[in-house]
Amino acid sequence: MHEIFVVLAGQGEVRTETYALTLAPGACIHIQPQESHAFRNSGTDDLVLLYFGLAD
């Protein structure tokens, strides 16, 4: 499944097998099927993400 994350609030970081990105409100991230990933809150406020899962 393709995964789409939109940052609604907060600051953070996402790491995948191939890259690391700094996150801020408005950022949109696409994760490929089977790609491992991890999010980390790097700010003082909650990191709030909107998530969509899209089947192939």
Protein backbone atom coordinates (compact mmCIF):
# COMPACT_ATOMS: atom_id res chain seq x y z
CA MET A 1 0.00 0.00 0.00
CA HIS A 2 1.19 3.53 -0.76
CA GLU A 3 1.17 5.73 2.32
CA ILE A 4 0.66 9.49 2.25
CA PHE A 5 1.34 11.67 5.30
CA VAL A 6 0.51 15.38 5.58
CA VAL A 7 1.97 17.39 8.47
CA LEU A 8 -0.82 19.38 10.10
CA ALA A 9 1.15 20.76 13.07
CA GLY A 10 4.50 20.51 14.80
CA GLN A 11 8.06 19.88 13.72
CA GLY A 12 9.70 16.53 13.11
CA GLU A 13 11.69 14.19 10.93
CA VAL A 14 10.92 11.17 8.80
CA ARG A 15 13.56 8.56 7.90
CA THR A 16 13.16 5.91 5.23
CA GLU A 17 15.55 3.43 3.67
CA THR A 18 16.71 6.08 1.18
CA TYR A 19 16.30 9.54 2.75
CA ALA A 20 15.67 11.69 5.82
CA LEU A 21 13.47 14.79 5.69
CA THR A 22 12.73 17.60 8.11
CA LEU A 23 8.99 18.05 8.58
CA ALA A 24 6.98 21.23 9.06
CA PRO A 25 3.28 22.05 8.68
CA GLY A 26 2.13 21.65 5.07
CA ALA A 27 4.71 19.00 4.15
CA CYS A 28 3.38 15.99 2.25
CA ILE A 29 5.33 12.70 2.21
CA HIS A 30 4.79 9.64 0.00
CA ILE A 31 6.04 6.27 1.27
CA GLN A 32 6.37 3.47 -1.29
CA PRO A 33 4.84 0.04 -0.59
CA GLN A 34 7.11 -2.10 1.61
CA GLU A 35 9.41 0.88 2.40
CA SER A 36 10.31 1.01 6.09
CA HIS A 37 9.96 4.42 7.73
CA ALA A 38 9.94 6.12 11.12
CA PHE A 39 8.75 9.52 12.31
CA ARG A 40 10.28 11.53 15.15
CA ASN A 41 8.96 14.64 16.87
CA SER A 42 11.82 17.15 17.05
CA GLY A 43 9.78 20.08 18.36
CA THR A 44 8.20 21.07 21.65
CA ASP A 45 4.60 20.74 20.40
CA ASP A 46 2.81 17.59 19.24
CA LEU A 47 3.62 16.38 15.73
CA VAL A 48 0.21 15.94 14.09
CA LEU A 49 0.00 13.88 10.88
CA LEU A 50 -2.90 13.15 8.54
CA TYR A 51 -2.57 9.66 7.02
CA PHE A 52 -3.95 8.09 3.84
CA GLY A 53 -3.35 4.52 2.70
CA LEU A 54 -3.82 3.85 -1.03
CA ALA A 55 -3.93 0.34 -2.46
CA ASP A 56 -2.20 -0.42 -5.77
